[in-house]
C-alpha cells in the first residue's frame, strides 16, 4: 500500500469514526431535537438508541486491528445506515443542510472501505 493511500485511509477512517461516534452519542442521549428530527423522517424515537449502539460497535470494529470479517459487516452496516438516512432526507424534502451529514458519512464510509490496508481486508479463500 502506498503512503498516499495509507494517509487517505486514515484521514477518512478517523473522520468517519468521529462522525459516527458523535452522532451516536447524540442519538443515545435522545435529545429532543434529535428525537423530533427522527420522527419527522417517519422513524420511531426508540430507533435512536438502536442506531446509536450499532454505530459505537461499528466504530470499534473498524478501528480495532484484525477481525476483517467483522470490519466488512461494520462497513456494510455504515453504508446501509447512511444511504438509508440520505434517501430518507431526500424523500421527506429536507434541506441540504440536513441532508449533507448523512451524505458525508456515506462518502467517508466508501473511501475508508476502498483504501483499507491489506491486513484489514477479507481475503478470498
PDB file of N, CA and C in Angstrom:
ATOM      1  N   UNK A   1       0.852  -1.182   0.000  1.00  0.00           N
ATOM      2  CA  UNK A   1       0.000   0.000   0.000  1.00  0.00           C
ATOM      3  C   UNK A   1       0.892   1.237   0.000  1.00  0.00           C
ATOM      4  N   UNK A   2       0.585   2.161  -0.898  1.00  0.00           N
ATOM      5  CA  UNK A   2       1.396   3.374  -0.990  1.00  0.00           C
ATOM      6  C   UNK A   2       1.133   4.286   0.215  1.00  0.00           C
ATOM      7  N   UNK A   3       2.072   5.164   0.440  1.00  0.00           N
ATOM      8  CA  UNK A   3       1.951   6.099   1.567  1.00  0.00           C
ATOM      9  C   UNK A   3       0.735   7.013   1.391  1.00  0.00           C
ATOM     10  N   UNK A   4       0.473   7.446   0.167  1.00  0.00           N
ATOM     11  CA  UNK A   4      -0.680   8.319  -0.103  1.00  0.00           C
ATOM     12  C   UNK A   4      -1.979   7.592   0.220  1.00  0.00           C
ATOM     13  N   UNK A   5      -2.085   6.326  -0.213  1.00  0.00           N
ATOM     14  CA  UNK A   5      -3.296   5.548   0.074  1.00  0.00           C
ATOM     15  C   UNK A   5      -3.485   5.351   1.568  1.00  0.00           C
ATOM     16  N   UNK A   6      -2.393   5.130   2.281  1.00  0.00           N
ATOM     17  CA  UNK A   6      -2.466   4.953   3.728  1.00  0.00           C
ATOM     18  C   UNK A   6      -2.947   6.241   4.408  1.00  0.00           C
ATOM     19  N   UNK A   7      -2.471   7.377   3.942  1.00  0.00           N
ATOM     20  CA  UNK A   7      -2.900   8.660   4.501  1.00  0.00           C
ATOM     21  C   UNK A   7      -4.379   8.897   4.203  1.00  0.00           C
ATOM     22  N   UNK A   8      -4.792   8.621   2.972  1.00  0.00           N
ATOM     23  CA  UNK A   8      -6.210   8.775   2.610  1.00  0.00           C
ATOM     24  C   UNK A   8      -7.072   7.880   3.503  1.00  0.00           C
ATOM     25  N   UNK A   9      -6.631   6.624   3.687  1.00  0.00           N
ATOM     26  CA  UNK A   9      -7.376   5.684   4.515  1.00  0.00           C
ATOM     27  C   UNK A   9      -7.545   6.221   5.937  1.00  0.00           C
ATOM     28  N   UNK A  10      -6.452   6.640   6.554  1.00  0.00           N
ATOM     29  CA  UNK A  10      -6.534   7.054   7.953  1.00  0.00           C
ATOM     30  C   UNK A  10      -7.298   8.357   8.139  1.00  0.00           C
ATOM     31  N   UNK A  11      -7.166   9.281   7.217  1.00  0.00           N
ATOM     32  CA  UNK A  11      -7.950  10.528   7.321  1.00  0.00           C
ATOM     33  C   UNK A  11      -9.443  10.214   7.200  1.00  0.00           C
ATOM     34  N   UNK A  12      -9.814   9.449   6.191  1.00  0.00           N
ATOM     35  CA  UNK A  12     -11.231   9.092   6.002  1.00  0.00           C
ATOM     36  C   UNK A  12     -11.753   8.277   7.180  1.00  0.00           C
ATOM     37  N   UNK A  13     -10.959   7.333   7.659  1.00  0.00           N
ATOM     38  CA  UNK A  13     -11.399   6.450   8.738  1.00  0.00           C
ATOM     39  C   UNK A  13     -11.552   7.216  10.049  1.00  0.00           C
ATOM     40  N   UNK A  14     -10.621   8.100  10.348  1.00  0.00           N
ATOM     41  CA  UNK A  14     -10.729   8.870  11.593  1.00  0.00           C
ATOM     42  C   UNK A  14     -11.901   9.843  11.548  1.00  0.00           C
ATOM     43  N   UNK A  15     -12.130  10.487  10.397  1.00  0.00           N
ATOM     44  CA  UNK A  15     -13.298  11.370  10.261  1.00  0.00           C
ATOM     45  C   UNK A  15     -14.587  10.569  10.342  1.00  0.00           C
ATOM     46  N   UNK A  16     -14.597   9.390   9.740  1.00  0.00           N
ATOM     47  CA  UNK A  16     -15.763   8.513   9.819  1.00  0.00           C
ATOM     48  C   UNK A  16     -16.027   8.119  11.272  1.00  0.00           C
ATOM     49  N   UNK A  17     -14.981   7.704  11.974  1.00  0.00           N
ATOM     50  CA  UNK A  17     -15.136   7.304  13.376  1.00  0.00           C
ATOM     51  C   UNK A  17     -15.627   8.468  14.233  1.00  0.00           C
ATOM     52  N   UNK A  18     -15.080   9.645  13.998  1.00  0.00           N
ATOM     53  CA  UNK A  18     -15.509  10.832  14.746  1.00  0.00           C
ATOM     54  C   UNK A  18     -16.976  11.153  14.458  1.00  0.00           C
ATOM     55  N   UNK A  19     -17.349  11.129  13.190  1.00  0.00           N
ATOM     56  CA  UNK A  19     -18.732  11.425  12.809  1.00  0.00           C
ATOM     57  C   UNK A  19     -19.717  10.408  13.357  1.00  0.00           C
ATOM     58  N   UNK A  20     -19.381   9.144  13.256  1.00  0.00           N
ATOM     59  CA  UNK A  20     -20.278   8.100  13.759  1.00  0.00           C
ATOM     60  C   UNK A  20     -20.377   8.146  15.285  1.00  0.00           C
ATOM     61  N   UNK A  21     -19.262   8.377  15.952  1.00  0.00           N
ATOM     62  CA  UNK A  21     -19.276   8.441  17.417  1.00  0.00           C
ATOM     63  C   UNK A  21     -20.077   9.640  17.904  1.00  0.00           C
ATOM     64  N   UNK A  22     -19.849  10.796  17.302  1.00  0.00           N
ATOM     65  CA  UNK A  22     -20.566  11.993  17.758  1.00  0.00           C
ATOM     66  C   UNK A  22     -22.063  11.877  17.517  1.00  0.00           C
ATOM     67  N   UNK A  23     -22.468  11.341  16.364  1.00  0.00           N
ATOM     68  CA  UNK A  23     -23.899  11.185  16.116  1.00  0.00           C
ATOM     69  C   UNK A  23     -24.487  10.085  17.004  1.00  0.00           C
ATOM     70  N   UNK A  24     -23.704   9.061  17.299  1.00  0.00           N
ATOM     71  CA  UNK A  24     -24.182   8.001  18.192  1.00  0.00           C
ATOM     72  C   UNK A  24     -24.453   8.549  19.589  1.00  0.00           C
ATOM     73  N   UNK A  25     -23.561   9.398  20.074  1.00  0.00           N
ATOM     74  CA  UNK A  25     -23.752   9.984  21.409  1.00  0.00           C
ATOM     75  C   UNK A  25     -25.028  10.813  21.448  1.00  0.00           C
ATOM     76  N   UNK A  26     -25.244  11.630  20.422  1.00  0.00           N
ATOM     77  CA  UNK A  26     -26.465  12.441  20.351  1.00  0.00           C
ATOM     78  C   UNK A  26     -27.691  11.535  20.312  1.00  0.00           C
ATOM     79  N   UNK A  27     -27.607  10.447  19.555  1.00  0.00           N
ATOM     80  CA  UNK A  27     -28.742   9.530  19.465  1.00  0.00           C
ATOM     81  C   UNK A  27     -28.982   8.794  20.780  1.00  0.00           C
ATOM     82  N   UNK A  28     -27.920   8.381  21.447  1.00  0.00           N
ATOM     83  CA  UNK A  28     -28.074   7.677  22.724  1.00  0.00           C
ATOM     84  C   UNK A  28     -28.622   8.587  23.817  1.00  0.00           C
ATOM     85  N   UNK A  29     -28.315   9.871  23.733  1.00  0.00           N
ATOM     86  CA  UNK A  29     -28.841  10.824  24.713  1.00  0.00           C
ATOM     87  C   UNK A  29     -30.305  11.173  24.436  1.00  0.00           C
ATOM     88  N   UNK A  30     -30.790  10.822  23.266  1.00  0.00           N
ATOM     89  CA  UNK A  30     -32.184  11.094  22.861  1.00  0.00           C
ATOM     90  C   UNK A  30     -32.591  12.541  23.123  1.00  0.00           C
ATOM     91  N   UNK A  31     -31.752  13.452  22.669  1.00  0.00           N
ATOM     92  CA  UNK A  31     -32.076  14.869  22.814  1.00  0.00           C
ATOM     93  C   UNK A  31     -33.356  15.176  22.048  1.00  0.00           C
ATOM     94  N   UNK A  32     -34.126  16.122  22.559  1.00  0.00           N
ATOM     95  CA  UNK A  32     -35.424  16.436  21.963  1.00  0.00           C
ATOM     96  C   UNK A  32     -35.301  16.788  20.485  1.00  0.00           C
ATOM     97  N   UNK A  33     -34.320  17.605  20.145  1.00  0.00           N
ATOM     98  CA  UNK A  33     -34.147  17.997  18.745  1.00  0.00           C
ATOM     99  C   UNK A  33     -33.892  16.774  17.861  1.00  0.00           C
ATOM    100  N   UNK A  34     -33.101  15.848  18.344  1.00  0.00           N
ATOM    101  CA  UNK A  34     -32.796  14.637  17.563  1.00  0.00           C
ATOM    102  C   UNK A  34     -34.027  13.733  17.468  1.00  0.00           C
ATOM    103  N   UNK A  35     -34.771  13.620  18.553  1.00  0.00           N
ATOM    104  CA  UNK A  35     -35.991  12.814  18.553  1.00  0.00           C
ATOM    105  C   UNK A  35     -37.018  13.400  17.582  1.00  0.00           C
ATOM    106  N   UNK A  36     -37.173  14.716  17.617  1.00  0.00           N
ATOM    107  CA  UNK A  36     -38.095  15.383  16.690  1.00  0.00           C
ATOM    108  C   UNK A  36     -37.665  15.175  15.240  1.00  0.00           C
ATOM    109  N   UNK A  37     -36.354  15.274  15.012  1.00  0.00           N
ATOM    110  CA  UNK A  37     -35.787  15.091  13.679  1.00  0.00           C
ATOM    111  C   UNK A  37     -36.099  13.685  13.163  1.00  0.00           C
ATOM    112  N   UNK A  38     -35.927  12.693  14.025  1.00  0.00           N
ATOM    113  CA  UNK A  38     -36.134  11.299  13.629  1.00  0.00           C
ATOM    114  C   UNK A  38     -37.612  11.023  13.354  1.00  0.00           C
ATOM    115  N   UNK A  39     -38.484  11.527  14.192  1.00  0.00           N
ATOM    116  CA  UNK A  39     -39.918  11.291  13.975  1.00  0.00           C
ATOM    117  C   UNK A  39     -40.410  12.034  12.730  1.00  0.00           C
ATOM    118  N   UNK A  40     -39.783  13.183  12.419  1.00  0.00           N
ATOM    119  CA  UNK A  40     -40.128  13.901  11.186  1.00  0.00           C
ATOM    120  C   UNK A  40     -39.806  13.050   9.955  1.00  0.00           C
ATOM    121  N   UNK A  41     -38.746  12.266  10.058  1.00  0.00           N
ATOM    122  CA  UNK A  41     -38.371  11.373   8.951  1.00  0.00           C
ATOM    123  C   UNK A  41     -39.258  10.133   8.889  1.00  0.00           C
ATOM    124  N   UNK A  42     -40.087   9.933   9.915  1.00  0.00           N
ATOM    125  CA  UNK A  42     -41.013   8.806   9.908  1.00  0.00           C
ATOM    126  C   UNK A  42     -40.558   7.606  10.707  1.00  0.00           C
ATOM    127  N   UNK A  43     -39.513   7.758  11.511  1.00  0.00           N
ATOM    128  CA  UNK A  43     -38.999   6.648  12.301  1.00  0.00           C
ATOM    129  C   UNK A  43     -39.396   6.811  13.765  1.00  0.00           C
ATOM    130  N   UNK A  44     -39.579   5.710  14.483  1.00  0.00           N
ATOM    131  CA  UNK A  44     -39.921   5.818  15.904  1.00  0.00           C
ATOM    132  C   UNK A  44     -38.722   6.313  16.724  1.00  0.00           C
ATOM    133  N   UNK A  45     -39.006   7.001  17.800  1.00  0.00           N
ATOM    134  CA  UNK A  45     -37.948   7.582  18.630  1.00  0.00           C
ATOM    135  C   UNK A  45     -37.019   6.514  19.205  1.00  0.00           C
ATOM    136  N   UNK A  46     -37.549   5.336  19.498  1.00  0.00           N
ATOM    137  CA  UNK A  46     -36.692   4.299  20.091  1.00  0.00           C
ATOM    138  C   UNK A  46     -35.599   3.828  19.141  1.00  0.00           C
ATOM    139  N   UNK A  47     -35.756   4.064  17.851  1.00  0.00           N
ATOM    140  CA  UNK A  47     -34.723   3.643  16.899  1.00  0.00           C
ATOM    141  C   UNK A  47     -33.414   4.410  17.103  1.00  0.00           C
ATOM    142  N   UNK A  48     -33.475   5.567  17.758  1.00  0.00           N
ATOM    143  CA  UNK A  48     -32.250   6.324  18.058  1.00  0.00           C
ATOM    144  C   UNK A  48     -31.285   5.493  18.898  1.00  0.00           C
ATOM    145  N   UNK A  49     -31.798   4.835  19.915  1.00  0.00           N
ATOM    146  CA  UNK A  49     -30.944   4.011  20.791  1.00  0.00           C
ATOM    147  C   UNK A  49     -30.314   2.858  20.011  1.00  0.00           C
ATOM    148  N   UNK A  50     -31.098   2.217  19.182  1.00  0.00           N
ATOM    149  CA  UNK A  50     -30.591   1.089  18.394  1.00  0.00           C
ATOM    150  C   UNK A  50     -29.478   1.551  17.460  1.00  0.00           C
ATOM    151  N   UNK A  51     -29.725   2.633  16.721  1.00  0.00           N
ATOM    152  CA  UNK A  51     -28.716   3.160  15.795  1.00  0.00           C
ATOM    153  C   UNK A  51     -27.465   3.613  16.538  1.00  0.00           C
ATOM    154  N   UNK A  52     -27.648   4.266  17.683  1.00  0.00           N
ATOM    155  CA  UNK A  52     -26.510   4.739  18.463  1.00  0.00           C
ATOM    156  C   UNK A  52     -25.611   3.603  18.924  1.00  0.00           C
ATOM    157  N   UNK A  53     -26.205   2.539  19.413  1.00  0.00           N
ATOM    158  CA  UNK A  53     -25.420   1.379  19.865  1.00  0.00           C
ATOM    159  C   UNK A  53     -24.681   0.744  18.696  1.00  0.00           C
ATOM    160  N   UNK A  54     -25.380   0.548  17.567  1.00  0.00           N
ATOM    161  CA  UNK A  54     -24.740  -0.067  16.404  1.00  0.00           C
ATOM    162  C   UNK A  54     -23.607   0.796  15.860  1.00  0.00           C
ATOM    163  N   UNK A  55     -23.767   2.109  15.898  1.00  0.00           N
ATOM    164  CA  UNK A  55     -22.690   2.989  15.425  1.00  0.00           C
ATOM    165  C   UNK A  55     -21.443   2.852  16.293  1.00  0.00           C
ATOM    166  N   UNK A  56     -21.618   2.838  17.609  1.00  0.00           N
ATOM    167  CA  UNK A  56     -20.470   2.682  18.518  1.00  0.00           C
ATOM    168  C   UNK A  56     -19.773   1.349  18.264  1.00  0.00           C
ATOM    169  N   UNK A  57     -20.546   0.283  18.166  1.00  0.00           N
ATOM    170  CA  UNK A  57     -19.960  -1.035  17.900  1.00  0.00           C
ATOM    171  C   UNK A  57     -19.260  -1.064  16.539  1.00  0.00           C
ATOM    172  N   UNK A  58     -19.835  -0.400  15.550  1.00  0.00           N
ATOM    173  CA  UNK A  58     -19.213  -0.339  14.228  1.00  0.00           C
ATOM    174  C   UNK A  58     -17.891   0.406  14.238  1.00  0.00           C
ATOM    175  N   UNK A  59     -17.833   1.497  14.970  1.00  0.00           N
ATOM    176  CA  UNK A  59     -16.578   2.258  15.083  1.00  0.00           C
ATOM    177  C   UNK A  59     -15.499   1.398  15.729  1.00  0.00           C
ATOM    178  N   UNK A  60     -15.855   0.682  16.786  1.00  0.00           N
ATOM    179  CA  UNK A  60     -14.887  -0.204  17.444  1.00  0.00           C
ATOM    180  C   UNK A  60     -14.384  -1.258  16.453  1.00  0.00           C
ATOM    181  N   UNK A  61     -15.297  -1.840  15.693  1.00  0.00           N
ATOM    182  CA  UNK A  61     -14.912  -2.880  14.726  1.00  0.00           C
ATOM    183  C   UNK A  61     -13.998  -2.336  13.638  1.00  0.00           C
ATOM    184  N   UNK A  62     -14.299  -1.154  13.138  1.00  0.00           N
ATOM    185  CA  UNK A  62     -13.495  -0.579  12.047  1.00  0.00           C
ATOM    186  C   UNK A  62     -12.101  -0.184  12.537  1.00  0.00           C
ATOM    187  N   UNK A  63     -12.000   0.326  13.752  1.00  0.00           N
ATOM    188  CA  UNK A  63     -10.710   0.791  14.263  1.00  0.00           C
ATOM    189  C   UNK A  63      -9.847  -0.309  14.863  1.00  0.00           C
ATOM    190  N   UNK A  64     -10.459  -1.370  15.363  1.00  0.00           N
ATOM    191  CA  UNK A  64      -9.694  -2.438  16.011  1.00  0.00           C
ATOM    192  C   UNK A  64      -8.839  -3.190  14.990  1.00  0.00           C
ATOM    193  N   UNK A  65      -7.657  -3.611  15.405  1.00  0.00           N
ATOM    194  CA  UNK A  65      -6.841  -4.424  14.496  1.00  0.00           C
ATOM    195  C   UNK A  65      -7.461  -5.816  14.327  1.00  0.00           C
ATOM    196  N   UNK A  66      -7.137  -6.457  13.232  1.00  0.00           N
ATOM    197  CA  UNK A  66      -7.624  -7.804  12.895  1.00  0.00           C
ATOM    198  C   UNK A  66      -9.131  -7.835  12.655  1.00  0.00           C
ATOM    199  N   UNK A  67      -9.731  -8.989  12.735  1.00  0.00           N
ATOM    200  CA  UNK A  67     -11.166  -9.228  12.552  1.00  0.00           C
ATOM    201  C   UNK A  67     -11.712  -8.660  11.234  1.00  0.00           C
ATOM    202  N   UNK A  68     -11.137  -9.057  10.088  1.00  0.00           N
ATOM    203  CA  UNK A  68     -11.572  -8.487   8.810  1.00  0.00           C
ATOM    204  C   UNK A  68     -13.037  -8.763   8.464  1.00  0.00           C
ATOM    205  N   UNK A  69     -13.566  -9.915   8.845  1.00  0.00           N
ATOM    206  CA  UNK A  69     -14.974 -10.196   8.556  1.00  0.00           C
ATOM    207  C   UNK A  69     -15.879  -9.234   9.336  1.00  0.00           C
ATOM    208  N   UNK A  70     -15.541  -8.988  10.576  1.00  0.00           N
ATOM    209  CA  UNK A  70     -16.307  -8.044  11.396  1.00  0.00           C
ATOM    210  C   UNK A  70     -16.244  -6.639  10.801  1.00  0.00           C
ATOM    211  N   UNK A  71     -15.080  -6.264  10.278  1.00  0.00           N
ATOM    212  CA  UNK A  71     -14.932  -4.957   9.630  1.00  0.00           C
ATOM    213  C   UNK A  71     -15.842  -4.849   8.400  1.00  0.00           C
ATOM    214  N   UNK A  72     -15.899  -5.914   7.605  1.00  0.00           N
ATOM    215  CA  UNK A  72     -16.772  -5.905   6.425  1.00  0.00           C
ATOM    216  C   UNK A  72     -18.219  -5.678   6.838  1.00  0.00           C
ATOM    217  N   UNK A  73     -18.652  -6.343   7.894  1.00  0.00           N
ATOM    218  CA  UNK A  73     -20.014  -6.172   8.387  1.00  0.00           C
ATOM    219  C   UNK A  73     -20.236  -4.745   8.880  1.00  0.00           C
ATOM    220  N   UNK A  74     -19.243  -4.194   9.571  1.00  0.00           N
ATOM    221  CA  UNK A  74     -19.369  -2.819  10.080  1.00  0.00           C
ATOM    222  C   UNK A  74     -19.468  -1.828   8.923  1.00  0.00           C
ATOM    223  N   UNK A  75     -18.612  -1.978   7.931  1.00  0.00           N
ATOM    224  CA  UNK A  75     -18.682  -1.093   6.759  1.00  0.00           C
ATOM    225  C   UNK A  75     -20.025  -1.234   6.047  1.00  0.00           C
ATOM    226  N   UNK A  76     -20.504  -2.465   5.906  1.00  0.00           N
ATOM    227  CA  UNK A  76     -21.809  -2.679   5.259  1.00  0.00           C
ATOM    228  C   UNK A  76     -22.915  -2.004   6.067  1.00  0.00           C
ATOM    229  N   UNK A  77     -22.850  -2.156   7.382  1.00  0.00           N
ATOM    230  CA  UNK A  77     -23.846  -1.513   8.238  1.00  0.00           C
ATOM    231  C   UNK A  77     -23.821  -0.010   8.113  1.00  0.00           C
ATOM    232  N   UNK A  78     -22.618   0.566   8.115  1.00  0.00           N
ATOM    233  CA  UNK A  78     -22.488   2.022   7.941  1.00  0.00           C
ATOM    234  C   UNK A  78     -23.050   2.441   6.579  1.00  0.00           C
ATOM    235  N   UNK A  79     -22.737   1.665   5.544  1.00  0.00           N
ATOM    236  CA  UNK A  79     -23.211   2.005   4.206  1.00  0.00           C
ATOM    237  C   UNK A  79     -24.740   1.988   4.151  1.00  0.00           C
ATOM    238  N   UNK A  80     -25.344   0.930   4.658  1.00  0.00           N
ATOM    239  CA  UNK A  80     -26.814   0.835   4.627  1.00  0.00           C
ATOM    240  C   UNK A  80     -27.460   1.905   5.499  1.00  0.00           C
ATOM    241  N   UNK A  81     -26.876   2.155   6.673  1.00  0.00           N
ATOM    242  CA  UNK A  81     -27.433   3.154   7.577  1.00  0.00           C
ATOM    243  C   UNK A  81     -27.374   4.553   6.961  1.00  0.00           C
ATOM    244  N   UNK A  82     -26.236   4.913   6.386  1.00  0.00           N
ATOM    245  CA  UNK A  82     -26.072   6.266   5.851  1.00  0.00           C
ATOM    246  C   UNK A  82     -26.766   6.449   4.508  1.00  0.00           C
ATOM    247  N   UNK A  83     -26.806   5.412   3.675  1.00  0.00           N
ATOM    248  CA  UNK A  83     -27.554   5.546   2.424  1.00  0.00           C
ATOM    249  C   UNK A  83     -29.051   5.632   2.718  1.00  0.00           C
ATOM    250  N   UNK A  84     -29.505   4.881   3.720  1.00  0.00           N
ATOM    251  CA  UNK A  84     -30.901   4.978   4.135  1.00  0.00           C
ATOM    252  C   UNK A  84     -31.233   6.343   4.702  1.00  0.00           C
ATOM    253  N   UNK A  85     -30.322   6.894   5.500  1.00  0.00           N
ATOM    254  CA  UNK A  85     -30.537   8.234   6.066  1.00  0.00           C
ATOM    255  C   UNK A  85     -30.582   9.281   4.949  1.00  0.00           C
ATOM    256  N   UNK A  86     -29.646   9.169   4.016  1.00  0.00           N
ATOM    257  CA  UNK A  86     -29.600  10.113   2.898  1.00  0.00           C
ATOM    258  C   UNK A  86     -30.903  10.064   2.092  1.00  0.00           C
ATOM    259  N   UNK A  87     -31.342   8.853   1.761  1.00  0.00           N
ATOM    260  CA  UNK A  87     -32.597   8.702   0.998  1.00  0.00           C
ATOM    261  C   UNK A  87     -33.791   9.222   1.790  1.00  0.00           C
ATOM    262  N   UNK A  88     -33.822   8.965   3.091  1.00  0.00           N
ATOM    263  CA  UNK A  88     -34.919   9.451   3.931  1.00  0.00           C
ATOM    264  C   UNK A  88     -34.993  10.971   3.903  1.00  0.00           C
ATOM    265  N   UNK A  89     -33.840  11.622   3.970  1.00  0.00           N
ATOM    266  CA  UNK A  89     -33.811  13.087   3.901  1.00  0.00           C
ATOM    267  C   UNK A  89     -34.307  13.588   2.553  1.00  0.00           C
ATOM    268  N   UNK A  90     -33.874  12.933   1.489  1.00  0.00           N
ATOM    269  CA  UNK A  90     -34.316  13.346   0.153  1.00  0.00           C
ATOM    270  C   UNK A  90     -35.825  13.161  -0.016  1.00  0.00           C
ATOM    271  N   UNK A  91     -36.320  12.025   0.407  1.00  0.00           N
ATOM    272  CA  UNK A  91     -37.745  11.713   0.233  1.00  0.00           C
ATOM    273  C   UNK A  91     -38.638  12.676   1.011  1.00  0.00           C
ATOM    274  N   UNK A  92     -38.183  13.071   2.209  1.00  0.00           N
ATOM    275  CA  UNK A  92     -39.003  13.978   3.019  1.00  0.00           C
ATOM    276  C   UNK A  92     -38.799  15.442   2.659  1.00  0.00           C
ATOM    277  N   UNK A  93     -37.935  15.708   1.686  1.00  0.00           N
ATOM    278  CA  UNK A  93     -37.732  17.079   1.222  1.00  0.00           C
ATOM    279  C   UNK A  93     -36.901  17.946   2.150  1.00  0.00           C
ATOM    280  N   UNK A  94     -36.017  17.327   2.925  1.00  0.00           N
ATOM    281  CA  UNK A  94     -35.159  18.108   3.822  1.00  0.00           C
ATOM    282  C   UNK A  94     -34.210  19.005   3.032  1.00  0.00           C
ATOM    283  N   UNK A  95     -33.752  20.033   3.702  1.00  0.00           N
ATOM    284  CA  UNK A  95     -32.796  20.947   3.090  1.00  0.00           C
ATOM    285  C   UNK A  95     -31.434  20.262   2.968  1.00  0.00           C
ATOM    286  N   UNK A  96     -30.558  20.830   2.174  1.00  0.00           N
ATOM    287  CA  UNK A  96     -29.208  20.277   2.019  1.00  0.00           C
ATOM    288  C   UNK A  96     -28.453  20.329   3.342  1.00  0.00           C
ATOM    289  N   UNK A  97     -28.747  21.314   4.163  1.00  0.00           N
ATOM    290  CA  UNK A  97     -28.103  21.432   5.477  1.00  0.00           C
ATOM    291  C   UNK A  97     -28.397  20.199   6.327  1.00  0.00           C
ATOM    292  N   UNK A  98     -29.604  19.677   6.235  1.00  0.00           N
ATOM    293  CA  UNK A  98     -29.978  18.483   6.995  1.00  0.00           C
ATOM    294  C   UNK A  98     -29.554  17.197   6.296  1.00  0.00           C
ATOM    295  N   UNK A  99     -29.419  17.234   4.990  1.00  0.00           N
ATOM    296  CA  UNK A  99     -29.088  16.050   4.204  1.00  0.00           C
ATOM    297  C   UNK A  99     -27.581  15.797   4.125  1.00  0.00           C
ATOM    298  N   UNK A 100     -26.795  16.855   4.141  1.00  0.00           N
ATOM    299  CA  UNK A 100     -25.352  16.747   3.908  1.00  0.00           C
ATOM    300  C   UNK A 100     -24.623  15.828   4.890  1.00  0.00           C
ATOM    301  N   UNK A 101     -24.895  15.867   6.212  1.00  0.00           N
ATOM    302  CA  UNK A 101     -24.130  14.996   7.118  1.00  0.00           C
ATOM    303  C   UNK A 101     -24.227  13.508   6.762  1.00  0.00           C
ATOM    304  N   UNK A 102     -25.406  13.042   6.394  1.00  0.00           N
ATOM    305  CA  UNK A 102     -25.524  11.626   6.040  1.00  0.00           C
ATOM    306  C   UNK A 102     -24.774  11.324   4.739  1.00  0.00           C
ATOM    307  N   UNK A 103     -24.792  12.241   3.798  1.00  0.00           N
ATOM    308  CA  UNK A 103     -24.048  12.060   2.553  1.00  0.00           C
ATOM    309  C   UNK A 103     -22.540  12.040   2.825  1.00  0.00           C
ATOM    310  N   UNK A 104     -22.080  12.943   3.675  1.00  0.00           N
ATOM    311  CA  UNK A 104     -20.655  12.982   4.021  1.00  0.00           C
ATOM    312  C   UNK A 104     -20.219  11.676   4.682  1.00  0.00           C
ATOM    313  N   UNK A 105     -21.000  11.173   5.639  1.00  0.00           N
ATOM    314  CA  UNK A 105     -20.644   9.915   6.299  1.00  0.00           C
ATOM    315  C   UNK A 105     -20.707   8.742   5.330  1.00  0.00           C
ATOM    316  N   UNK A 106     -21.610   8.795   4.371  1.00  0.00           N
ATOM    317  CA  UNK A 106     -21.677   7.754   3.348  1.00  0.00           C
ATOM    318  C   UNK A 106     -20.412   7.768   2.489  1.00  0.00           C
ATOM    319  N   UNK A 107     -19.995   8.928   2.056  1.00  0.00           N
ATOM    320  CA  UNK A 107     -18.785   9.063   1.237  1.00  0.00           C
ATOM    321  C   UNK A 107     -17.551   8.627   2.029  1.00  0.00           C
ATOM    322  N   UNK A 108     -17.456   9.035   3.303  1.00  0.00           N
ATOM    323  CA  UNK A 108     -16.320   8.622   4.138  1.00  0.00           C
ATOM    324  C   UNK A 108     -16.294   7.112   4.339  1.00  0.00           C
ATOM    325  N   UNK A 109     -17.461   6.495   4.450  1.00  0.00           N
ATOM    326  CA  UNK A 109     -17.535   5.036   4.586  1.00  0.00           C
ATOM    327  C   UNK A 109     -16.947   4.367   3.346  1.00  0.00           C
ATOM    328  N   UNK A 110     -17.350   4.823   2.173  1.00  0.00           N
ATOM    329  CA  UNK A 110     -16.866   4.221   0.921  1.00  0.00           C
ATOM    330  C   UNK A 110     -15.361   4.446   0.761  1.00  0.00           C
ATOM    331  N   UNK A 111     -14.888   5.645   1.057  1.00  0.00           N
ATOM    332  CA  UNK A 111     -13.449   5.938   0.931  1.00  0.00           C
ATOM    333  C   UNK A 111     -12.640   5.085   1.900  1.00  0.00           C
ATOM    334  N   UNK A 112     -13.066   5.021   3.153  1.00  0.00           N
ATOM    335  CA  UNK A 112     -12.352   4.226   4.147  1.00  0.00           C
ATOM    336  C   UNK A 112     -12.315   2.755   3.740  1.00  0.00           C
ATOM    337  N   UNK A 113     -13.443   2.234   3.296  1.00  0.00           N
ATOM    338  CA  UNK A 113     -13.504   0.835   2.878  1.00  0.00           C
ATOM    339  C   UNK A 113     -12.589   0.585   1.669  1.00  0.00           C
ATOM    340  N   UNK A 114     -12.649   1.452   0.680  1.00  0.00           N
ATOM    341  CA  UNK A 114     -11.880   1.266  -0.553  1.00  0.00           C
ATOM    342  C   UNK A 114     -10.368   1.309  -0.303  1.00  0.00           C
ATOM    343  N   UNK A 115      -9.927   2.210   0.569  1.00  0.00           N
ATOM    344  CA  UNK A 115      -8.494   2.406   0.790  1.00  0.00           C
ATOM    345  C   UNK A 115      -7.945   1.610   1.979  1.00  0.00           C
ATOM    346  N   UNK A 116      -8.741   0.716   2.570  1.00  0.00           N
ATOM    347  CA  UNK A 116      -8.251  -0.012   3.732  1.00  0.00           C
ATOM    348  C   UNK A 116      -7.038  -0.869   3.365  1.00  0.00           C
ATOM    349  N   UNK A 117      -6.087  -0.987   4.293  1.00  0.00           N
ATOM    350  CA  UNK A 117      -4.876  -1.776   4.028  1.00  0.00           C
ATOM    351  C   UNK A 117      -5.188  -3.270   3.876  1.00  0.00           C
ATOM    352  N   UNK A 118      -4.274  -3.984   3.281  1.00  0.00           N
ATOM    353  CA  UNK A 118      -4.457  -5.419   3.010  1.00  0.00           C
ATOM    354  C   UNK A 118      -4.750  -6.203   4.283  1.00  0.00           C
ATOM    355  N   UNK A 119      -4.093  -5.848   5.385  1.00  0.00           N
ATOM    356  CA  UNK A 119      -4.310  -6.590   6.638  1.00  0.00           C
ATOM    357  C   UNK A 119      -5.691  -6.341   7.251  1.00  0.00           C
ATOM    358  N   UNK A 120      -6.422  -5.359   6.711  1.00  0.00           N
ATOM    359  CA  UNK A 120      -7.772  -5.076   7.192  1.00  0.00           C
ATOM    360  C   UNK A 120      -8.835  -5.544   6.185  1.00  0.00           C
ATOM    361  N   UNK A 121      -8.390  -6.280   5.175  1.00  0.00           N
ATOM    362  CA  UNK A 121      -9.319  -6.790   4.149  1.00  0.00           C
ATOM    363  C   UNK A 121      -9.641  -8.243   4.403  1.00  0.00           C
ATOM    364  N   UNK A 122     -10.808  -8.638   3.938  1.00  0.00           N
ATOM    365  CA  UNK A 122     -11.210 -10.029   3.990  1.00  0.00           C
ATOM    366  C   UNK A 122     -10.606 -10.713   2.770  1.00  0.00           C
ATOM    367  N   UNK A 123      -9.701 -11.624   2.989  1.00  0.00           N
ATOM    368  CA  UNK A 123      -9.028 -12.283   1.882  1.00  0.00           C
ATOM    369  C   UNK A 123      -9.880 -13.403   1.319  1.00  0.00           C
ATOM    370  N   UNK A 124      -9.851 -13.565   0.017  1.00  0.00           N
ATOM    371  CA  UNK A 124     -10.601 -14.639  -0.645  1.00  0.00           C
ATOM    372  C   UNK A 124      -9.970 -15.983  -0.292  1.00  0.00           C
ATOM    373  N   UNK A 125     -10.804 -16.956  -0.004  1.00  0.00           N
ATOM    374  CA  UNK A 125     -10.285 -18.282   0.393  1.00  0.00           C
ATOM    375  C   UNK A 125      -9.867 -19.094  -0.799  1.00  0.00           C
TER     376      UNK A 125
END
